[in-house]
Amino acid sequence: TWQLRVAAPRGDVVFLAASFQPGSGTNQYGTFGIDLGNAITFAVVTIPATGHDPLATFSLPVPNVPHLVGLSLWVQGLDWFTSMSPRYTQTVATWVR
């Protein structure tokens, strides 16, 4: 199981997207590190409105398929539903082990 923790202001909603290649650039939401033209949105995470830490965890089961070993992914979130201006999260680069 692959877990990704998202930190954002309490009550915000973050859309997570991934691409198989990195990207680089800026637009009205900030700096992006995924290939926006080929990225897919794979999850929507809501940050709890109460509690100790403004964190949410997304879990994705990864099948035990040898052909996936070494597959690289770049993941980034867009904090869209927020009281602040919409903005990108940091980019996470990872691979299947």
N, C-alpha and C. Protein backbone atom coordinates (compact mmCIF):
# COMPACT_ATOMS: atom_id res chain seq x y z
N THR A 1 0.84 -1.18 0.00
CA THR A 1 0.00 0.00 0.00
C THR A 1 0.88 1.24 0.00
N TRP A 2 0.58 2.16 -0.88
CA TRP A 2 1.31 3.42 -0.98
C TRP A 2 0.51 4.48 -0.25
N GLN A 3 1.16 5.19 0.66
CA GLN A 3 0.48 6.24 1.41
C GLN A 3 1.11 7.59 1.12
N LEU A 4 0.27 8.57 0.96
CA LEU A 4 0.71 9.93 0.69
C LEU A 4 0.01 10.84 1.69
N ARG A 5 0.80 11.59 2.46
CA ARG A 5 0.24 12.52 3.44
C ARG A 5 0.18 13.91 2.83
N VAL A 6 -0.93 14.58 3.05
CA VAL A 6 -1.15 15.91 2.51
C VAL A 6 -1.32 16.88 3.67
N ALA A 7 -0.56 17.97 3.64
CA ALA A 7 -0.69 19.02 4.64
C ALA A 7 -1.23 20.27 3.95
N ALA A 8 -2.28 20.82 4.52
CA ALA A 8 -2.91 22.04 3.98
C ALA A 8 -3.71 22.66 5.11
N PRO A 9 -4.20 23.87 4.93
CA PRO A 9 -5.03 24.48 5.98
C PRO A 9 -6.27 23.62 6.28
N ARG A 10 -6.71 23.69 7.51
CA ARG A 10 -7.87 22.91 7.97
C ARG A 10 -9.10 23.14 7.09
N GLY A 11 -9.75 22.06 6.73
CA GLY A 11 -10.97 22.12 5.95
C GLY A 11 -10.77 22.26 4.44
N ASP A 12 -9.53 22.43 3.98
CA ASP A 12 -9.28 22.56 2.54
C ASP A 12 -9.47 21.22 1.83
N VAL A 13 -9.72 21.30 0.51
CA VAL A 13 -9.84 20.13 -0.34
C VAL A 13 -8.71 20.19 -1.36
N VAL A 14 -7.92 19.10 -1.44
CA VAL A 14 -6.75 19.05 -2.32
C VAL A 14 -6.96 17.95 -3.35
N PHE A 15 -6.80 18.29 -4.62
CA PHE A 15 -6.86 17.34 -5.72
C PHE A 15 -5.45 16.84 -5.99
N LEU A 16 -5.24 15.51 -6.01
CA LEU A 16 -3.93 14.94 -6.26
C LEU A 16 -3.85 14.43 -7.69
N ALA A 17 -2.76 14.77 -8.36
CA ALA A 17 -2.54 14.34 -9.74
C ALA A 17 -1.15 13.75 -9.86
N ALA A 18 -0.97 12.83 -10.81
CA ALA A 18 0.32 12.18 -11.03
C ALA A 18 0.62 12.14 -12.52
N SER A 19 1.92 12.15 -12.82
CA SER A 19 2.37 11.97 -14.19
C SER A 19 3.58 11.04 -14.18
N PHE A 20 3.86 10.43 -15.31
CA PHE A 20 4.99 9.52 -15.42
C PHE A 20 6.28 10.24 -15.81
N GLN A 21 6.17 11.55 -16.04
CA GLN A 21 7.33 12.37 -16.36
C GLN A 21 7.24 13.65 -15.54
N PRO A 22 8.39 14.23 -15.20
CA PRO A 22 8.34 15.50 -14.49
C PRO A 22 7.95 16.62 -15.44
N GLY A 23 7.54 17.69 -14.88
CA GLY A 23 7.26 18.90 -15.64
C GLY A 23 7.88 20.06 -14.89
N SER A 24 7.88 21.21 -15.50
CA SER A 24 8.38 22.38 -14.79
C SER A 24 7.78 23.63 -15.41
N GLY A 25 7.50 24.56 -14.56
CA GLY A 25 6.95 25.82 -15.02
C GLY A 25 6.13 26.47 -13.93
N THR A 26 5.54 27.57 -14.28
CA THR A 26 4.67 28.27 -13.35
C THR A 26 3.42 28.72 -14.10
N ASN A 27 2.34 28.85 -13.35
CA ASN A 27 1.12 29.45 -13.87
C ASN A 27 0.44 30.17 -12.71
N GLN A 28 -0.83 30.47 -12.85
CA GLN A 28 -1.51 31.27 -11.84
C GLN A 28 -1.60 30.59 -10.48
N TYR A 29 -1.34 29.27 -10.40
CA TYR A 29 -1.41 28.54 -9.13
C TYR A 29 -0.05 28.30 -8.50
N GLY A 30 1.01 28.72 -9.15
CA GLY A 30 2.36 28.55 -8.61
C GLY A 30 3.23 27.70 -9.51
N THR A 31 4.23 27.08 -8.92
CA THR A 31 5.19 26.26 -9.65
C THR A 31 4.71 24.82 -9.68
N PHE A 32 4.74 24.21 -10.87
CA PHE A 32 4.34 22.81 -10.97
C PHE A 32 5.54 21.95 -11.34
N GLY A 33 5.51 20.71 -10.86
CA GLY A 33 6.60 19.77 -11.09
C GLY A 33 6.15 18.49 -11.74
N ILE A 34 4.90 18.45 -12.22
CA ILE A 34 4.38 17.30 -12.95
C ILE A 34 4.11 17.73 -14.38
N ASP A 35 4.01 16.77 -15.27
CA ASP A 35 3.68 17.04 -16.66
C ASP A 35 2.18 17.26 -16.75
N LEU A 36 1.76 18.52 -16.78
CA LEU A 36 0.33 18.84 -16.75
C LEU A 36 -0.43 18.29 -17.95
N GLY A 37 0.23 18.19 -19.08
CA GLY A 37 -0.43 17.69 -20.29
C GLY A 37 -0.76 16.22 -20.24
N ASN A 38 -0.04 15.46 -19.43
CA ASN A 38 -0.25 14.02 -19.35
C ASN A 38 -0.63 13.54 -17.95
N ALA A 39 -0.87 14.45 -17.03
CA ALA A 39 -1.18 14.07 -15.65
C ALA A 39 -2.63 13.60 -15.54
N ILE A 40 -2.85 12.72 -14.57
CA ILE A 40 -4.21 12.28 -14.26
C ILE A 40 -4.51 12.60 -12.80
N THR A 41 -5.71 13.05 -12.54
CA THR A 41 -6.16 13.27 -11.17
C THR A 41 -6.62 11.92 -10.64
N PHE A 42 -6.05 11.50 -9.51
CA PHE A 42 -6.38 10.18 -9.00
C PHE A 42 -7.02 10.18 -7.62
N ALA A 43 -7.07 11.35 -6.96
CA ALA A 43 -7.68 11.38 -5.62
C ALA A 43 -8.07 12.80 -5.26
N VAL A 44 -9.03 12.89 -4.37
CA VAL A 44 -9.43 14.15 -3.76
C VAL A 44 -9.35 13.93 -2.26
N VAL A 45 -8.58 14.76 -1.57
CA VAL A 45 -8.34 14.60 -0.14
C VAL A 45 -8.89 15.83 0.58
N THR A 46 -9.69 15.59 1.62
CA THR A 46 -10.21 16.68 2.44
C THR A 46 -9.44 16.72 3.75
N ILE A 47 -8.88 17.87 4.06
CA ILE A 47 -8.14 18.04 5.29
C ILE A 47 -9.15 18.20 6.43
N PRO A 48 -8.96 17.49 7.55
CA PRO A 48 -9.91 17.63 8.66
C PRO A 48 -10.02 19.08 9.14
N ALA A 49 -11.22 19.47 9.51
CA ALA A 49 -11.46 20.83 10.00
C ALA A 49 -11.04 20.99 11.46
N THR A 50 -10.94 19.88 12.19
CA THR A 50 -10.54 19.91 13.59
C THR A 50 -9.45 18.88 13.82
N GLY A 51 -8.85 18.90 14.98
CA GLY A 51 -7.84 17.92 15.32
C GLY A 51 -6.48 18.57 15.53
N HIS A 52 -5.51 17.74 15.87
CA HIS A 52 -4.18 18.24 16.22
C HIS A 52 -3.41 18.77 15.01
N ASP A 53 -3.30 17.98 13.95
CA ASP A 53 -2.53 18.37 12.77
C ASP A 53 -3.45 18.52 11.57
N PRO A 54 -3.21 19.53 10.73
CA PRO A 54 -4.01 19.65 9.50
C PRO A 54 -3.43 18.75 8.40
N LEU A 55 -3.54 17.43 8.62
CA LEU A 55 -3.01 16.44 7.69
C LEU A 55 -4.09 15.45 7.30
N ALA A 56 -3.98 14.94 6.07
CA ALA A 56 -4.84 13.86 5.61
C ALA A 56 -3.94 12.84 4.91
N THR A 57 -4.30 11.57 5.00
CA THR A 57 -3.52 10.50 4.37
C THR A 57 -4.36 9.84 3.31
N PHE A 58 -3.76 9.67 2.13
CA PHE A 58 -4.40 8.94 1.05
C PHE A 58 -3.66 7.62 0.89
N SER A 59 -4.39 6.51 0.83
CA SER A 59 -3.79 5.18 0.68
C SER A 59 -4.23 4.58 -0.64
N LEU A 60 -3.27 4.01 -1.36
CA LEU A 60 -3.55 3.38 -2.66
C LEU A 60 -2.92 2.00 -2.67
N PRO A 61 -3.73 0.93 -2.81
CA PRO A 61 -3.14 -0.40 -2.91
C PRO A 61 -2.40 -0.55 -4.24
N VAL A 62 -1.18 -1.04 -4.19
CA VAL A 62 -0.38 -1.26 -5.39
C VAL A 62 -0.29 -2.76 -5.61
N PRO A 63 -0.70 -3.25 -6.78
CA PRO A 63 -0.65 -4.70 -7.01
C PRO A 63 0.79 -5.20 -7.05
N ASN A 64 0.98 -6.44 -6.64
CA ASN A 64 2.29 -7.07 -6.63
C ASN A 64 2.59 -7.60 -8.04
N VAL A 65 2.93 -6.67 -8.94
CA VAL A 65 3.21 -7.01 -10.34
C VAL A 65 4.66 -6.63 -10.63
N PRO A 66 5.52 -7.60 -10.94
CA PRO A 66 6.93 -7.29 -11.16
C PRO A 66 7.19 -6.24 -12.23
N HIS A 67 6.32 -6.13 -13.22
CA HIS A 67 6.52 -5.16 -14.30
C HIS A 67 6.40 -3.71 -13.82
N LEU A 68 5.80 -3.49 -12.65
CA LEU A 68 5.67 -2.13 -12.11
C LEU A 68 6.94 -1.66 -11.40
N VAL A 69 7.82 -2.59 -11.03
CA VAL A 69 9.03 -2.23 -10.30
C VAL A 69 9.85 -1.26 -11.14
N GLY A 70 10.21 -0.15 -10.53
CA GLY A 70 11.00 0.88 -11.21
C GLY A 70 10.18 1.97 -11.87
N LEU A 71 8.87 1.81 -11.90
CA LEU A 71 7.99 2.82 -12.49
C LEU A 71 8.10 4.12 -11.70
N SER A 72 8.41 5.21 -12.38
CA SER A 72 8.55 6.51 -11.72
C SER A 72 7.26 7.30 -11.82
N LEU A 73 6.96 8.02 -10.73
CA LEU A 73 5.77 8.88 -10.67
C LEU A 73 6.14 10.21 -10.06
N TRP A 74 5.54 11.26 -10.57
CA TRP A 74 5.63 12.58 -9.97
C TRP A 74 4.23 12.96 -9.57
N VAL A 75 4.06 13.35 -8.31
CA VAL A 75 2.74 13.62 -7.75
C VAL A 75 2.70 15.03 -7.19
N GLN A 76 1.59 15.72 -7.42
CA GLN A 76 1.42 17.07 -6.89
C GLN A 76 -0.06 17.31 -6.65
N GLY A 77 -0.34 18.16 -5.68
CA GLY A 77 -1.72 18.49 -5.37
C GLY A 77 -2.04 19.92 -5.74
N LEU A 78 -3.32 20.16 -5.96
CA LEU A 78 -3.82 21.51 -6.15
C LEU A 78 -4.82 21.77 -5.03
N ASP A 79 -4.47 22.67 -4.15
CA ASP A 79 -5.35 23.06 -3.03
C ASP A 79 -6.35 24.05 -3.62
N TRP A 80 -7.50 23.51 -4.02
CA TRP A 80 -8.46 24.30 -4.81
C TRP A 80 -9.55 24.92 -3.94
N PHE A 81 -10.19 24.11 -3.10
CA PHE A 81 -11.28 24.63 -2.26
C PHE A 81 -10.69 25.11 -0.95
N THR A 82 -10.39 26.40 -0.89
CA THR A 82 -9.69 26.98 0.23
C THR A 82 -10.15 28.42 0.41
N SER A 83 -9.98 28.94 1.60
CA SER A 83 -10.31 30.35 1.83
C SER A 83 -9.20 31.26 1.31
N MET A 84 -8.06 30.67 0.98
CA MET A 84 -6.93 31.42 0.41
C MET A 84 -6.95 31.26 -1.11
N SER A 85 -5.97 31.80 -1.79
CA SER A 85 -5.88 31.61 -3.24
C SER A 85 -5.54 30.16 -3.55
N PRO A 86 -6.16 29.54 -4.58
CA PRO A 86 -5.78 28.17 -4.96
C PRO A 86 -4.28 28.12 -5.27
N ARG A 87 -3.63 26.98 -4.90
CA ARG A 87 -2.19 26.87 -5.10
C ARG A 87 -1.78 25.41 -5.14
N TYR A 88 -0.61 25.17 -5.76
CA TYR A 88 -0.05 23.83 -5.83
C TYR A 88 0.65 23.46 -4.52
N THR A 89 0.67 22.16 -4.23
CA THR A 89 1.48 21.64 -3.14
C THR A 89 2.89 21.37 -3.69
N GLN A 90 3.76 20.90 -2.83
CA GLN A 90 5.08 20.48 -3.29
C GLN A 90 4.93 19.25 -4.17
N THR A 91 5.90 19.04 -5.05
CA THR A 91 5.92 17.85 -5.90
C THR A 91 6.67 16.75 -5.19
N VAL A 92 6.13 15.53 -5.27
CA VAL A 92 6.79 14.36 -4.71
C VAL A 92 7.19 13.47 -5.86
N ALA A 93 8.47 13.12 -5.94
CA ALA A 93 8.96 12.17 -6.94
C ALA A 93 9.14 10.83 -6.24
N THR A 94 8.61 9.76 -6.82
CA THR A 94 8.69 8.44 -6.20
C THR A 94 8.76 7.37 -7.28
N TRP A 95 8.98 6.15 -6.88
CA TRP A 95 9.03 5.04 -7.81
C TRP A 95 8.53 3.79 -7.09
N VAL A 96 8.10 2.83 -7.90
CA VAL A 96 7.60 1.56 -7.36
C VAL A 96 8.81 0.69 -7.04
N ARG A 97 8.83 0.16 -5.80
CA ARG A 97 9.94 -0.73 -5.40
C ARG A 97 9.44 -2.14 -5.23
